Amino acid sequence: MQKFDFEAPAELFPSRNRKVASKIKYRRFDNAAAAIRYAMEELPEPLLLGACIEINERRLGHQEIRALYTSEFYPLKKKQAA
C-alpha cells in the first residue's frame, strides 16, 4: 500500500440504504484517521458497504477503508472486540 496521509481532512458519505433506518448523514473530520475509525466502529455494516470517504479529492470505498483501518500504519487506537 502506498504512503497514506492519515492527517489530511476527510469527508464521510454514508450509503443511502433504504432498508436500514439511519440518522447517519454526511460528516467532516479533521483528519482521515478519525473518519476511518468512525466508519469502521460506528457505522452499521449495511451503511459501511456503500460508504465512501473523500480525502484530497480521492474517494475511498469500503474495501479501502477497511484496508487502511487494519493496516499496521493506522495511527489511532482501535475499539476492542467484544
Protein backbone atom coordinates (compact mmCIF):
# COMPACT_ATOMS: atom_id res chain seq x y z
CA MET A 1 0.00 0.00 0.00
CA GLN A 2 1.37 3.41 -0.91
CA LYS A 3 2.03 6.01 1.78
CA PHE A 4 -1.27 7.42 3.03
CA ASP A 5 -1.80 10.77 4.77
CA PHE A 6 -3.88 9.95 7.85
CA GLU A 7 -3.68 13.63 8.92
CA ALA A 8 -5.47 15.07 5.86
CA PRO A 9 -9.01 16.44 6.36
CA ALA A 10 -11.71 13.98 5.28
CA GLU A 11 -15.41 13.78 4.47
CA LEU A 12 -17.59 10.73 5.08
CA PHE A 13 -20.52 9.96 2.80
CA PRO A 14 -22.56 7.04 4.22
CA SER A 15 -24.54 4.93 1.78
CA ARG A 16 -28.22 5.52 1.17
CA ASN A 17 -29.66 2.16 2.13
CA ARG A 18 -33.43 2.36 2.24
CA LYS A 19 -33.63 -0.98 4.07
CA VAL A 20 -31.74 0.39 7.09
CA ALA A 21 -33.28 3.23 9.07
CA SER A 22 -30.45 5.59 9.92
CA LYS A 23 -29.89 9.13 11.05
CA ILE A 24 -26.26 8.99 9.97
CA LYS A 25 -25.51 11.73 7.47
CA TYR A 26 -22.54 13.36 5.77
CA ARG A 27 -19.76 14.32 8.21
CA ARG A 28 -16.48 16.19 8.06
CA PHE A 29 -13.45 15.14 10.07
CA ASP A 30 -10.26 17.00 10.94
CA ASN A 31 -8.23 14.00 9.82
CA ALA A 32 -8.65 10.85 7.77
CA ALA A 33 -7.77 8.57 10.67
CA ALA A 34 -10.81 9.78 12.63
CA ALA A 35 -13.08 9.35 9.59
CA ILE A 36 -11.82 5.81 9.05
CA ARG A 37 -12.30 4.93 12.72
CA TYR A 38 -15.83 6.35 12.71
CA ALA A 39 -16.73 4.41 9.56
CA MET A 40 -15.37 1.13 10.91
CA GLU A 41 -16.53 1.40 14.53
CA GLU A 42 -19.77 3.38 14.36
CA LEU A 43 -21.45 2.76 11.00
CA PRO A 44 -23.77 -0.24 10.77
CA GLU A 45 -22.37 -2.80 8.31
CA PRO A 46 -25.04 -2.15 5.62
CA LEU A 47 -24.17 1.57 5.60
CA LEU A 48 -20.43 0.88 5.51
CA LEU A 49 -20.80 -1.24 2.37
CA GLY A 50 -21.85 1.74 0.28
CA ALA A 51 -19.97 4.42 2.19
CA CYS A 52 -17.07 6.43 0.85
CA ILE A 53 -14.55 8.75 2.40
CA GLU A 54 -13.14 11.62 0.36
CA ILE A 55 -9.61 12.77 1.11
CA ASN A 56 -7.79 15.28 -1.09
CA GLU A 57 -10.33 14.74 -3.89
CA ARG A 58 -9.75 10.97 -3.79
CA ARG A 59 -12.67 8.69 -2.90
CA LEU A 60 -12.16 5.53 -0.86
CA GLY A 61 -14.74 2.74 -0.88
CA HIS A 62 -15.48 0.32 1.95
CA GLN A 63 -12.71 -2.10 0.96
CA GLU A 64 -10.08 0.64 1.01
CA ILE A 65 -11.46 2.00 4.29
CA ARG A 66 -11.20 -1.47 5.86
CA ALA A 67 -7.68 -2.00 4.48
CA LEU A 68 -6.47 1.30 5.95
CA TYR A 69 -8.12 0.55 9.32
CA THR A 70 -6.42 -2.85 9.54
CA SER A 71 -3.10 -1.51 8.28
CA GLU A 72 -0.12 -1.56 10.63
CA PHE A 73 0.28 2.16 9.85
CA TYR A 74 -3.18 3.16 11.16
CA PRO A 75 -2.30 5.70 13.90
CA LEU A 76 -5.30 5.61 16.28
CA LYS A 77 -6.22 3.12 18.96
CA LYS A 78 -8.87 0.66 17.79
CA LYS A 79 -12.00 -0.34 19.66
CA GLN A 80 -11.60 -3.64 21.48
CA ALA A 81 -13.58 -6.54 20.02
CA ALA A 82 -16.47 -7.64 22.21
